[in-house]
């Protein structure tokens, strides 16, 4: 009878350990899935920020080019006026 009690206690112990191991694995997998989703969401946000940055950079480059062209035109006009003023003197 003591052997049967020992076997029952041992079986109950293995059963309990198995249930706890299963719960640990399930919780671990849920946490891993949640972390993967968070990383994916963060990556999507980084991609959005990168594309927005690229658009802003292109806009700034276009503005800089426009200002450079306007400055070149202004320098040409100023040089022309200086030539004209020298000729008048």
C-alpha atoms as a PDB file:
ATOM      1  CA  UNK A   1       0.000   0.000   0.000  1.00  0.00           C
ATOM      2  CA  UNK A   2       2.858   2.377   0.681  1.00  0.00           C
ATOM      3  CA  UNK A   3       4.148   1.683  -2.816  1.00  0.00           C
ATOM      4  CA  UNK A   4       0.786   2.646  -4.286  1.00  0.00           C
ATOM      5  CA  UNK A   5       0.738   5.878  -2.275  1.00  0.00           C
ATOM      6  CA  UNK A   6       4.273   6.655  -3.403  1.00  0.00           C
ATOM      7  CA  UNK A   7       3.379   5.978  -7.042  1.00  0.00           C
ATOM      8  CA  UNK A   8       0.276   8.155  -6.750  1.00  0.00           C
ATOM      9  CA  UNK A   9       2.224  11.008  -5.181  1.00  0.00           C
ATOM     10  CA  UNK A  10       4.911  10.662  -7.849  1.00  0.00           C
ATOM     11  CA  UNK A  11       2.302  10.671 -10.638  1.00  0.00           C
ATOM     12  CA  UNK A  12       0.581  13.703  -9.113  1.00  0.00           C
ATOM     13  CA  UNK A  13       3.946  15.464  -8.848  1.00  0.00           C
ATOM     14  CA  UNK A  14       4.781  14.764 -12.489  1.00  0.00           C
ATOM     15  CA  UNK A  15       1.301  15.843 -13.520  1.00  0.00           C
ATOM     16  CA  UNK A  16       1.565  19.096 -11.584  1.00  0.00           C
ATOM     17  CA  UNK A  17       5.066  19.736 -12.936  1.00  0.00           C
ATOM     18  CA  UNK A  18       3.779  19.071 -16.448  1.00  0.00           C
ATOM     19  CA  UNK A  19       0.901  21.516 -16.027  1.00  0.00           C
ATOM     20  CA  UNK A  20       3.256  24.190 -14.685  1.00  0.00           C
ATOM     21  CA  UNK A  21       5.711  23.547 -17.513  1.00  0.00           C
ATOM     22  CA  UNK A  22       2.875  23.872 -20.026  1.00  0.00           C
ATOM     23  CA  UNK A  23       1.731  27.140 -18.421  1.00  0.00           C
ATOM     24  CA  UNK A  24       5.288  28.474 -18.483  1.00  0.00           C
ATOM     25  CA  UNK A  25       5.629  27.617 -22.179  1.00  0.00           C
ATOM     26  CA  UNK A  26       2.267  29.198 -22.990  1.00  0.00           C
ATOM     27  CA  UNK A  27       3.100  32.399 -21.089  1.00  0.00           C
ATOM     28  CA  UNK A  28       6.562  32.460 -22.692  1.00  0.00           C
ATOM     29  CA  UNK A  29       5.066  32.143 -26.179  1.00  0.00           C
ATOM     30  CA  UNK A  30       2.468  34.831 -25.504  1.00  0.00           C
ATOM     31  CA  UNK A  31       5.234  37.169 -24.321  1.00  0.00           C
ATOM     32  CA  UNK A  32       7.363  36.347 -27.369  1.00  0.00           C
ATOM     33  CA  UNK A  33       4.429  36.991 -29.700  1.00  0.00           C
ATOM     34  CA  UNK A  34       3.649  40.296 -27.975  1.00  0.00           C
ATOM     35  CA  UNK A  35       7.293  41.351 -28.212  1.00  0.00           C
ATOM     36  CA  UNK A  36       7.427  40.441 -31.907  1.00  0.00           C
ATOM     37  CA  UNK A  37       4.302  42.511 -32.577  1.00  0.00           C
ATOM     38  CA  UNK A  38       5.768  45.461 -30.689  1.00  0.00           C
ATOM     39  CA  UNK A  39       9.007  45.214 -32.677  1.00  0.00           C
ATOM     40  CA  UNK A  40       7.055  45.005 -35.925  1.00  0.00           C
ATOM     41  CA  UNK A  41       4.987  48.048 -34.977  1.00  0.00           C
ATOM     42  CA  UNK A  42       8.136  49.961 -34.085  1.00  0.00           C
ATOM     43  CA  UNK A  43       9.734  48.987 -37.391  1.00  0.00           C
ATOM     44  CA  UNK A  44       6.668  50.201 -39.301  1.00  0.00           C
ATOM     45  CA  UNK A  45       6.839  53.511 -37.427  1.00  0.00           C
ATOM     46  CA  UNK A  46      10.560  53.821 -38.219  1.00  0.00           C
ATOM     47  CA  UNK A  47       9.824  53.213 -41.902  1.00  0.00           C
ATOM     48  CA  UNK A  48       7.141  55.923 -41.844  1.00  0.00           C
ATOM     49  CA  UNK A  49       9.552  58.340 -40.198  1.00  0.00           C
ATOM     50  CA  UNK A  50      12.273  57.490 -42.701  1.00  0.00           C
ATOM     51  CA  UNK A  51       9.977  58.085 -45.670  1.00  0.00           C
ATOM     52  CA  UNK A  52       8.751  61.369 -44.159  1.00  0.00           C
ATOM     53  CA  UNK A  53      12.370  62.420 -43.579  1.00  0.00           C
ATOM     54  CA  UNK A  54      13.208  61.573 -47.200  1.00  0.00           C
ATOM     55  CA  UNK A  55      10.298  63.693 -48.434  1.00  0.00           C
ATOM     56  CA  UNK A  56      11.354  66.616 -46.239  1.00  0.00           C
ATOM     57  CA  UNK A  57      14.931  66.261 -47.417  1.00  0.00           C
ATOM     58  CA  UNK A  58      13.799  66.382 -51.040  1.00  0.00           C
ATOM     59  CA  UNK A  59      11.699  69.473 -50.305  1.00  0.00           C
ATOM     60  CA  UNK A  60      14.627  71.174 -48.593  1.00  0.00           C
ATOM     61  CA  UNK A  61      16.905  70.307 -51.492  1.00  0.00           C
ATOM     62  CA  UNK A  62      14.419  71.837 -53.951  1.00  0.00           C
ATOM     63  CA  UNK A  63      14.117  74.989 -51.826  1.00  0.00           C
ATOM     64  CA  UNK A  64      17.897  75.269 -51.540  1.00  0.00           C
ATOM     65  CA  UNK A  65      18.246  74.882 -55.313  1.00  0.00           C
ATOM     66  CA  UNK A  66      15.632  77.579 -55.881  1.00  0.00           C
ATOM     67  CA  UNK A  67      17.414  79.974 -53.492  1.00  0.00           C
ATOM     68  CA  UNK A  68      20.744  79.215 -55.147  1.00  0.00           C
ATOM     69  CA  UNK A  69      19.274  79.998 -58.564  1.00  0.00           C
ATOM     70  CA  UNK A  70      17.733  83.219 -57.273  1.00  0.00           C
ATOM     71  CA  UNK A  71      21.030  84.245 -55.684  1.00  0.00           C
ATOM     72  CA  UNK A  72      22.861  83.565 -58.949  1.00  0.00           C
ATOM     73  CA  UNK A  73      20.331  85.712 -60.828  1.00  0.00           C
ATOM     74  CA  UNK A  74      20.717  88.470 -58.251  1.00  0.00           C
ATOM     75  CA  UNK A  75      24.516  88.368 -58.588  1.00  0.00           C
ATOM     76  CA  UNK A  76      24.205  88.599 -62.379  1.00  0.00           C
ATOM     77  CA  UNK A  77      21.881  91.584 -62.077  1.00  0.00           C
ATOM     78  CA  UNK A  78      24.194  93.260 -59.587  1.00  0.00           C
ATOM     79  CA  UNK A  79      27.230  92.676 -61.805  1.00  0.00           C
ATOM     80  CA  UNK A  80      25.314  94.102 -64.755  1.00  0.00           C
ATOM     81  CA  UNK A  81      24.357  97.185 -62.762  1.00  0.00           C
ATOM     82  CA  UNK A  82      27.960  97.644 -61.604  1.00  0.00           C
ATOM     83  CA  UNK A  83      29.176  97.480 -65.219  1.00  0.00           C
ATOM     84  CA  UNK A  84      26.537  99.975 -66.249  1.00  0.00           C
ATOM     85  CA  UNK A  85      27.493 102.344 -63.400  1.00  0.00           C
ATOM     86  CA  UNK A  86      31.185 102.134 -64.362  1.00  0.00           C
ATOM     87  CA  UNK A  87      30.328 102.953 -67.967  1.00  0.00           C
ATOM     88  CA  UNK A  88      28.292 105.976 -66.896  1.00  0.00           C
ATOM     89  CA  UNK A  89      31.173 107.408 -64.837  1.00  0.00           C
END
